[in-house]
């Protein structure tokens, strides 16, 4: 199996599971930080809710892709497939 790696235009690559992990950390960060920002009137509740929901959707999508990739074969493939964005 070829492990998909998402690359940047500088040639750096990230495995899909790394992207999923990062998005999940960002959800937790928003859940901790946004209530304080709303409480101090630096952010509206509606904006906080929408931004958190968007990141949750991103995290779910990335985790589903990472899980599907993990279920389809060897995660320790020698040669990753790289998509530059």
PDB file of N, CA and C in Angstrom:
ATOM      1  N   UNK A   1       0.827  -1.182   0.000  1.00  0.00           N
ATOM      2  CA  UNK A   1       0.000   0.000   0.000  1.00  0.00           C
ATOM      3  C   UNK A   1       0.867   1.239   0.000  1.00  0.00           C
ATOM      4  N   UNK A   2       0.390   2.270  -0.633  1.00  0.00           N
ATOM      5  CA  UNK A   2       1.089   3.552  -0.644  1.00  0.00           C
ATOM      6  C   UNK A   2       0.378   4.474   0.331  1.00  0.00           C
ATOM      7  N   UNK A   3       1.136   5.012   1.294  1.00  0.00           N
ATOM      8  CA  UNK A   3       0.553   5.926   2.269  1.00  0.00           C
ATOM      9  C   UNK A   3       0.474   7.314   1.654  1.00  0.00           C
ATOM     10  N   UNK A   4      -0.716   7.894   1.649  1.00  0.00           N
ATOM     11  CA  UNK A   4      -0.891   9.229   1.080  1.00  0.00           C
ATOM     12  C   UNK A   4      -0.263  10.262   1.998  1.00  0.00           C
ATOM     13  N   UNK A   5       0.470  11.166   1.418  1.00  0.00           N
ATOM     14  CA  UNK A   5       1.080  12.274   2.139  1.00  0.00           C
ATOM     15  C   UNK A   5       0.698  13.541   1.409  1.00  0.00           C
ATOM     16  N   UNK A   6       0.196  14.499   2.151  1.00  0.00           N
ATOM     17  CA  UNK A   6      -0.163  15.779   1.560  1.00  0.00           C
ATOM     18  C   UNK A   6       1.064  16.676   1.659  1.00  0.00           C
ATOM     19  N   UNK A   7       1.497  17.237   0.542  1.00  0.00           N
ATOM     20  CA  UNK A   7       2.683  18.070   0.540  1.00  0.00           C
ATOM     21  C   UNK A   7       2.350  19.531   0.349  1.00  0.00           C
ATOM     22  N   UNK A   8       3.229  20.374   0.816  1.00  0.00           N
ATOM     23  CA  UNK A   8       3.087  21.801   0.578  1.00  0.00           C
ATOM     24  C   UNK A   8       3.900  22.152  -0.653  1.00  0.00           C
ATOM     25  N   UNK A   9       3.760  23.365  -1.116  1.00  0.00           N
ATOM     26  CA  UNK A   9       4.515  23.758  -2.305  1.00  0.00           C
ATOM     27  C   UNK A   9       6.007  23.877  -2.035  1.00  0.00           C
ATOM     28  N   UNK A  10       6.443  23.722  -0.783  1.00  0.00           N
ATOM     29  CA  UNK A  10       7.865  23.738  -0.470  1.00  0.00           C
ATOM     30  C   UNK A  10       8.445  22.329  -0.440  1.00  0.00           C
ATOM     31  N   UNK A  11       7.601  21.326  -0.685  1.00  0.00           N
ATOM     32  CA  UNK A  11       8.079  19.958  -0.722  1.00  0.00           C
ATOM     33  C   UNK A  11       7.945  19.219   0.589  1.00  0.00           C
ATOM     34  N   UNK A  12       7.474  19.896   1.652  1.00  0.00           N
ATOM     35  CA  UNK A  12       7.265  19.221   2.926  1.00  0.00           C
ATOM     36  C   UNK A  12       5.998  18.389   2.829  1.00  0.00           C
ATOM     37  N   UNK A  13       5.991  17.218   3.445  1.00  0.00           N
ATOM     38  CA  UNK A  13       4.809  16.367   3.361  1.00  0.00           C
ATOM     39  C   UNK A  13       4.267  16.019   4.728  1.00  0.00           C
ATOM     40  N   UNK A  14       2.953  15.802   4.790  1.00  0.00           N
ATOM     41  CA  UNK A  14       2.283  15.424   6.014  1.00  0.00           C
ATOM     42  C   UNK A  14       1.394  14.224   5.724  1.00  0.00           C
ATOM     43  N   UNK A  15       1.499  13.207   6.545  1.00  0.00           N
ATOM     44  CA  UNK A  15       0.625  12.050   6.409  1.00  0.00           C
ATOM     45  C   UNK A  15      -0.783  12.444   6.841  1.00  0.00           C
ATOM     46  N   UNK A  16      -1.788  11.781   6.283  1.00  0.00           N
ATOM     47  CA  UNK A  16      -3.177  12.112   6.573  1.00  0.00           C
ATOM     48  C   UNK A  16      -3.483  11.963   8.059  1.00  0.00           C
ATOM     49  N   UNK A  17      -2.876  10.993   8.725  1.00  0.00           N
ATOM     50  CA  UNK A  17      -3.142  10.844  10.153  1.00  0.00           C
ATOM     51  C   UNK A  17      -2.565  12.009  10.944  1.00  0.00           C
ATOM     52  N   UNK A  18      -1.467  12.614  10.469  1.00  0.00           N
ATOM     53  CA  UNK A  18      -0.914  13.791  11.136  1.00  0.00           C
ATOM     54  C   UNK A  18      -1.859  14.979  10.996  1.00  0.00           C
ATOM     55  N   UNK A  19      -2.445  15.128   9.819  1.00  0.00           N
ATOM     56  CA  UNK A  19      -3.410  16.200   9.594  1.00  0.00           C
ATOM     57  C   UNK A  19      -4.636  16.014  10.482  1.00  0.00           C
ATOM     58  N   UNK A  20      -5.108  14.770  10.602  1.00  0.00           N
ATOM     59  CA  UNK A  20      -6.263  14.488  11.450  1.00  0.00           C
ATOM     60  C   UNK A  20      -5.946  14.802  12.915  1.00  0.00           C
ATOM     61  N   UNK A  21      -4.782  14.377  13.375  1.00  0.00           N
ATOM     62  CA  UNK A  21      -4.373  14.664  14.755  1.00  0.00           C
ATOM     63  C   UNK A  21      -4.337  16.161  15.013  1.00  0.00           C
ATOM     64  N   UNK A  22      -3.781  16.906  14.079  1.00  0.00           N
ATOM     65  CA  UNK A  22      -3.666  18.353  14.226  1.00  0.00           C
ATOM     66  C   UNK A  22      -5.042  19.011  14.266  1.00  0.00           C
ATOM     67  N   UNK A  23      -5.933  18.591  13.389  1.00  0.00           N
ATOM     68  CA  UNK A  23      -7.283  19.164  13.362  1.00  0.00           C
ATOM     69  C   UNK A  23      -8.021  18.853  14.670  1.00  0.00           C
ATOM     70  N   UNK A  24      -7.837  17.661  15.199  1.00  0.00           N
ATOM     71  CA  UNK A  24      -8.484  17.305  16.467  1.00  0.00           C
ATOM     72  C   UNK A  24      -7.931  18.144  17.618  1.00  0.00           C
ATOM     73  N   UNK A  25      -6.616  18.415  17.608  1.00  0.00           N
ATOM     74  CA  UNK A  25      -6.033  19.296  18.620  1.00  0.00           C
ATOM     75  C   UNK A  25      -6.602  20.708  18.504  1.00  0.00           C
ATOM     76  N   UNK A  26      -6.793  21.163  17.273  1.00  0.00           N
ATOM     77  CA  UNK A  26      -7.344  22.503  17.059  1.00  0.00           C
ATOM     78  C   UNK A  26      -8.772  22.598  17.579  1.00  0.00           C
ATOM     79  N   UNK A  27      -9.570  21.550  17.410  1.00  0.00           N
ATOM     80  CA  UNK A  27     -10.932  21.549  17.960  1.00  0.00           C
ATOM     81  C   UNK A  27     -10.863  21.730  19.474  1.00  0.00           C
ATOM     82  N   UNK A  28     -10.014  20.937  20.134  1.00  0.00           N
ATOM     83  CA  UNK A  28      -9.889  21.043  21.597  1.00  0.00           C
ATOM     84  C   UNK A  28      -9.419  22.434  22.009  1.00  0.00           C
ATOM     85  N   UNK A  29      -8.489  23.001  21.245  1.00  0.00           N
ATOM     86  CA  UNK A  29      -7.981  24.348  21.545  1.00  0.00           C
ATOM     87  C   UNK A  29      -9.114  25.368  21.453  1.00  0.00           C
ATOM     88  N   UNK A  30      -9.904  25.296  20.385  1.00  0.00           N
ATOM     89  CA  UNK A  30     -11.020  26.231  20.220  1.00  0.00           C
ATOM     90  C   UNK A  30     -12.037  26.064  21.342  1.00  0.00           C
ATOM     91  N   UNK A  31     -12.295  24.826  21.746  1.00  0.00           N
ATOM     92  CA  UNK A  31     -13.261  24.588  22.817  1.00  0.00           C
ATOM     93  C   UNK A  31     -12.789  25.178  24.140  1.00  0.00           C
ATOM     94  N   UNK A  32     -11.488  25.306  24.325  1.00  0.00           N
ATOM     95  CA  UNK A  32     -10.960  25.887  25.553  1.00  0.00           C
ATOM     96  C   UNK A  32     -10.833  27.408  25.466  1.00  0.00           C
ATOM     97  N   UNK A  33     -10.431  27.920  24.320  1.00  0.00           N
ATOM     98  CA  UNK A  33     -10.131  29.344  24.190  1.00  0.00           C
ATOM     99  C   UNK A  33     -11.360  30.184  23.859  1.00  0.00           C
ATOM    100  N   UNK A  34     -12.209  29.705  22.975  1.00  0.00           N
ATOM    101  CA  UNK A  34     -13.331  30.528  22.505  1.00  0.00           C
ATOM    102  C   UNK A  34     -14.278  30.974  23.606  1.00  0.00           C
ATOM    103  N   UNK A  35     -14.596  30.147  24.613  1.00  0.00           N
ATOM    104  CA  UNK A  35     -15.482  30.653  25.680  1.00  0.00           C
ATOM    105  C   UNK A  35     -14.917  31.895  26.381  1.00  0.00           C
ATOM    106  N   UNK A  36     -13.620  31.935  26.572  1.00  0.00           N
ATOM    107  CA  UNK A  36     -13.009  33.130  27.192  1.00  0.00           C
ATOM    108  C   UNK A  36     -13.134  34.343  26.273  1.00  0.00           C
ATOM    109  N   UNK A  37     -12.942  34.115  24.971  1.00  0.00           N
ATOM    110  CA  UNK A  37     -13.055  35.223  24.025  1.00  0.00           C
ATOM    111  C   UNK A  37     -14.493  35.731  23.952  1.00  0.00           C
ATOM    112  N   UNK A  38     -15.448  34.823  23.993  1.00  0.00           N
ATOM    113  CA  UNK A  38     -16.862  35.221  24.002  1.00  0.00           C
ATOM    114  C   UNK A  38     -17.167  35.971  25.296  1.00  0.00           C
ATOM    115  N   UNK A  39     -16.677  35.448  26.422  1.00  0.00           N
ATOM    116  CA  UNK A  39     -16.918  36.074  27.723  1.00  0.00           C
ATOM    117  C   UNK A  39     -16.353  37.474  27.841  1.00  0.00           C
ATOM    118  N   UNK A  40     -15.268  37.735  27.111  1.00  0.00           N
ATOM    119  CA  UNK A  40     -14.655  39.064  27.151  1.00  0.00           C
ATOM    120  C   UNK A  40     -15.133  39.943  25.991  1.00  0.00           C
ATOM    121  N   UNK A  41     -16.156  39.495  25.289  1.00  0.00           N
ATOM    122  CA  UNK A  41     -16.759  40.227  24.153  1.00  0.00           C
ATOM    123  C   UNK A  41     -15.789  40.451  22.995  1.00  0.00           C
ATOM    124  N   UNK A  42     -14.779  39.614  22.899  1.00  0.00           N
ATOM    125  CA  UNK A  42     -13.841  39.715  21.781  1.00  0.00           C
ATOM    126  C   UNK A  42     -14.278  38.853  20.606  1.00  0.00           C
ATOM    127  N   UNK A  43     -15.321  38.028  20.822  1.00  0.00           N
ATOM    128  CA  UNK A  43     -15.842  37.139  19.785  1.00  0.00           C
ATOM    129  C   UNK A  43     -17.315  36.898  20.110  1.00  0.00           C
ATOM    130  N   UNK A  44     -18.141  36.805  19.086  1.00  0.00           N
ATOM    131  CA  UNK A  44     -19.546  36.491  19.338  1.00  0.00           C
ATOM    132  C   UNK A  44     -19.712  34.984  19.513  1.00  0.00           C
ATOM    133  N   UNK A  45     -20.759  34.598  20.220  1.00  0.00           N
ATOM    134  CA  UNK A  45     -21.029  33.178  20.412  1.00  0.00           C
ATOM    135  C   UNK A  45     -21.324  32.504  19.087  1.00  0.00           C
ATOM    136  N   UNK A  46     -22.050  33.203  18.215  1.00  0.00           N
ATOM    137  CA  UNK A  46     -22.390  32.625  16.906  1.00  0.00           C
ATOM    138  C   UNK A  46     -21.130  32.346  16.092  1.00  0.00           C
ATOM    139  N   UNK A  47     -20.185  33.284  16.105  1.00  0.00           N
ATOM    140  CA  UNK A  47     -18.933  33.081  15.364  1.00  0.00           C
ATOM    141  C   UNK A  47     -18.144  31.923  15.967  1.00  0.00           C
ATOM    142  N   UNK A  48     -18.050  31.884  17.284  1.00  0.00           N
ATOM    143  CA  UNK A  48     -17.321  30.807  17.971  1.00  0.00           C
ATOM    144  C   UNK A  48     -17.931  29.448  17.641  1.00  0.00           C
ATOM    145  N   UNK A  49     -19.264  29.372  17.693  1.00  0.00           N
ATOM    146  CA  UNK A  49     -19.945  28.109  17.393  1.00  0.00           C
ATOM    147  C   UNK A  49     -19.680  27.663  15.963  1.00  0.00           C
ATOM    148  N   UNK A  50     -19.769  28.603  15.031  1.00  0.00           N
ATOM    149  CA  UNK A  50     -19.563  28.254  13.613  1.00  0.00           C
ATOM    150  C   UNK A  50     -18.129  27.820  13.352  1.00  0.00           C
ATOM    151  N   UNK A  51     -17.170  28.550  13.884  1.00  0.00           N
ATOM    152  CA  UNK A  51     -15.768  28.209  13.653  1.00  0.00           C
ATOM    153  C   UNK A  51     -15.404  26.868  14.284  1.00  0.00           C
ATOM    154  N   UNK A  52     -15.946  26.584  15.455  1.00  0.00           N
ATOM    155  CA  UNK A  52     -15.701  25.292  16.092  1.00  0.00           C
ATOM    156  C   UNK A  52     -16.350  24.173  15.285  1.00  0.00           C
ATOM    157  N   UNK A  53     -17.575  24.395  14.817  1.00  0.00           N
ATOM    158  CA  UNK A  53     -18.264  23.382  14.012  1.00  0.00           C
ATOM    159  C   UNK A  53     -17.521  23.111  12.706  1.00  0.00           C
ATOM    160  N   UNK A  54     -17.001  24.148  12.087  1.00  0.00           N
ATOM    161  CA  UNK A  54     -16.226  23.967  10.854  1.00  0.00           C
ATOM    162  C   UNK A  54     -14.990  23.102  11.107  1.00  0.00           C
ATOM    163  N   UNK A  55     -14.269  23.394  12.181  1.00  0.00           N
ATOM    164  CA  UNK A  55     -13.061  22.614  12.475  1.00  0.00           C
ATOM    165  C   UNK A  55     -13.423  21.191  12.866  1.00  0.00           C
ATOM    166  N   UNK A  56     -14.545  20.994  13.546  1.00  0.00           N
ATOM    167  CA  UNK A  56     -14.983  19.635  13.866  1.00  0.00           C
ATOM    168  C   UNK A  56     -15.277  18.852  12.589  1.00  0.00           C
ATOM    169  N   UNK A  57     -15.895  19.498  11.617  1.00  0.00           N
ATOM    170  CA  UNK A  57     -16.187  18.833  10.341  1.00  0.00           C
ATOM    171  C   UNK A  57     -14.893  18.463   9.619  1.00  0.00           C
ATOM    172  N   UNK A  58     -13.926  19.374   9.631  1.00  0.00           N
ATOM    173  CA  UNK A  58     -12.624  19.101   9.018  1.00  0.00           C
ATOM    174  C   UNK A  58     -11.953  17.926   9.721  1.00  0.00           C
ATOM    175  N   UNK A  59     -11.965  17.940  11.039  1.00  0.00           N
ATOM    176  CA  UNK A  59     -11.334  16.865  11.815  1.00  0.00           C
ATOM    177  C   UNK A  59     -12.002  15.514  11.534  1.00  0.00           C
ATOM    178  N   UNK A  60     -13.343  15.503  11.478  1.00  0.00           N
ATOM    179  CA  UNK A  60     -14.047  14.240  11.187  1.00  0.00           C
ATOM    180  C   UNK A  60     -13.692  13.719   9.804  1.00  0.00           C
ATOM    181  N   UNK A  61     -13.648  14.604   8.825  1.00  0.00           N
ATOM    182  CA  UNK A  61     -13.321  14.194   7.454  1.00  0.00           C
ATOM    183  C   UNK A  61     -11.895  13.633   7.376  1.00  0.00           C
ATOM    184  N   UNK A  62     -10.961  14.336   7.967  1.00  0.00           N
ATOM    185  CA  UNK A  62      -9.577  13.872   7.937  1.00  0.00           C
ATOM    186  C   UNK A  62      -9.409  12.553   8.691  1.00  0.00           C
ATOM    187  N   UNK A  63     -10.088  12.418   9.847  1.00  0.00           N
ATOM    188  CA  UNK A  63      -9.968  11.178  10.624  1.00  0.00           C
ATOM    189  C   UNK A  63     -10.575  10.013   9.845  1.00  0.00           C
ATOM    190  N   UNK A  64     -11.695  10.240   9.167  1.00  0.00           N
ATOM    191  CA  UNK A  64     -12.310   9.172   8.369  1.00  0.00           C
ATOM    192  C   UNK A  64     -11.367   8.740   7.253  1.00  0.00           C
ATOM    193  N   UNK A  65     -10.717   9.703   6.610  1.00  0.00           N
ATOM    194  CA  UNK A  65      -9.766   9.368   5.543  1.00  0.00           C
ATOM    195  C   UNK A  65      -8.565   8.622   6.113  1.00  0.00           C
ATOM    196  N   UNK A  66      -8.073   9.062   7.261  1.00  0.00           N
ATOM    197  CA  UNK A  66      -6.926   8.392   7.879  1.00  0.00           C
ATOM    198  C   UNK A  66      -7.293   6.972   8.296  1.00  0.00           C
ATOM    199  N   UNK A  67      -8.481   6.813   8.879  1.00  0.00           N
ATOM    200  CA  UNK A  67      -8.922   5.477   9.297  1.00  0.00           C
ATOM    201  C   UNK A  67      -9.116   4.563   8.093  1.00  0.00           C
ATOM    202  N   UNK A  68      -9.692   5.098   7.023  1.00  0.00           N
ATOM    203  CA  UNK A  68      -9.894   4.295   5.809  1.00  0.00           C
ATOM    204  C   UNK A  68      -8.556   3.881   5.220  1.00  0.00           C
ATOM    205  N   UNK A  69      -7.595   4.783   5.222  1.00  0.00           N
ATOM    206  CA  UNK A  69      -6.272   4.451   4.698  1.00  0.00           C
ATOM    207  C   UNK A  69      -5.607   3.388   5.554  1.00  0.00           C
ATOM    208  N   UNK A  70      -5.749   3.514   6.862  1.00  0.00           N
ATOM    209  CA  UNK A  70      -5.157   2.536   7.772  1.00  0.00           C
ATOM    210  C   UNK A  70      -5.770   1.158   7.621  1.00  0.00           C
ATOM    211  N   UNK A  71      -7.047   1.113   7.301  1.00  0.00           N
ATOM    212  CA  UNK A  71      -7.737  -0.166   7.155  1.00  0.00           C
ATOM    213  C   UNK A  71      -7.447  -0.832   5.813  1.00  0.00           C
ATOM    214  N   UNK A  72      -6.913  -0.056   4.878  1.00  0.00           N
ATOM    215  CA  UNK A  72      -6.741  -0.596   3.530  1.00  0.00           C
ATOM    216  C   UNK A  72      -5.377  -1.236   3.280  1.00  0.00           C
ATOM    217  N   UNK A  73      -4.482  -1.167   4.245  1.00  0.00           N
ATOM    218  CA  UNK A  73      -3.193  -1.797   3.991  1.00  0.00           C
ATOM    219  C   UNK A  73      -2.123  -1.403   4.980  1.00  0.00           C
ATOM    220  N   UNK A  74      -0.896  -1.553   4.569  1.00  0.00           N
ATOM    221  CA  UNK A  74       0.279  -1.332   5.403  1.00  0.00           C
ATOM    222  C   UNK A  74       0.528   0.153   5.615  1.00  0.00           C
ATOM    223  N   UNK A  75       0.488   0.599   6.864  1.00  0.00           N
ATOM    224  CA  UNK A  75       0.769   2.001   7.177  1.00  0.00           C
ATOM    225  C   UNK A  75       2.251   2.327   7.089  1.00  0.00           C
ATOM    226  N   UNK A  76       3.085   1.297   7.005  1.00  0.00           N
ATOM    227  CA  UNK A  76       4.518   1.521   7.003  1.00  0.00           C
ATOM    228  C   UNK A  76       5.104   1.311   5.615  1.00  0.00           C
ATOM    229  N   UNK A  77       4.359   1.714   4.619  1.00  0.00           N
ATOM    230  CA  UNK A  77       4.823   1.575   3.242  1.00  0.00           C
ATOM    231  C   UNK A  77       6.107   2.383   3.068  1.00  0.00           C
ATOM    232  N   UNK A  78       6.972   1.869   2.230  1.00  0.00           N
ATOM    233  CA  UNK A  78       8.267   2.499   1.996  1.00  0.00           C
ATOM    234  C   UNK A  78       8.157   3.822   1.256  1.00  0.00           C
ATOM    235  N   UNK A  79       7.267   3.893   0.263  1.00  0.00           N
ATOM    236  CA  UNK A  79       7.208   5.055  -0.605  1.00  0.00           C
ATOM    237  C   UNK A  79       5.873   5.753  -0.492  1.00  0.00           C
ATOM    238  N   UNK A  80       5.823   6.931   0.172  1.00  0.00           N
ATOM    239  CA  UNK A  80       4.557   7.644   0.247  1.00  0.00           C
ATOM    240  C   UNK A  80       4.199   8.319  -1.074  1.00  0.00           C
ATOM    241  N   UNK A  81       2.912   8.397  -1.324  1.00  0.00           N
ATOM    242  CA  UNK A  81       2.401   9.127  -2.479  1.00  0.00           C
ATOM    243  C   UNK A  81       2.220  10.579  -2.031  1.00  0.00           C
ATOM    244  N   UNK A  82       2.781  11.528  -2.749  1.00  0.00           N
ATOM    245  CA  UNK A  82       2.746  12.916  -2.328  1.00  0.00           C
ATOM    246  C   UNK A  82       1.889  13.737  -3.270  1.00  0.00           C
ATOM    247  N   UNK A  83       0.979  14.535  -2.696  1.00  0.00           N
ATOM    248  CA  UNK A  83       0.164  15.474  -3.457  1.00  0.00           C
ATOM    249  C   UNK A  83       0.597  16.867  -3.037  1.00  0.00           C
ATOM    250  N   UNK A  84       1.136  17.646  -3.925  1.00  0.00           N
ATOM    251  CA  UNK A  84       1.563  18.999  -3.593  1.00  0.00           C
ATOM    252  C   UNK A  84       0.421  19.964  -3.754  1.00  0.00           C
ATOM    253  N   UNK A  85       0.248  20.805  -2.745  1.00  0.00           N
ATOM    254  CA  UNK A  85      -0.815  21.815  -2.790  1.00  0.00           C
ATOM    255  C   UNK A  85      -0.249  23.185  -2.565  1.00  0.00           C
TER     256      UNK A  85
END
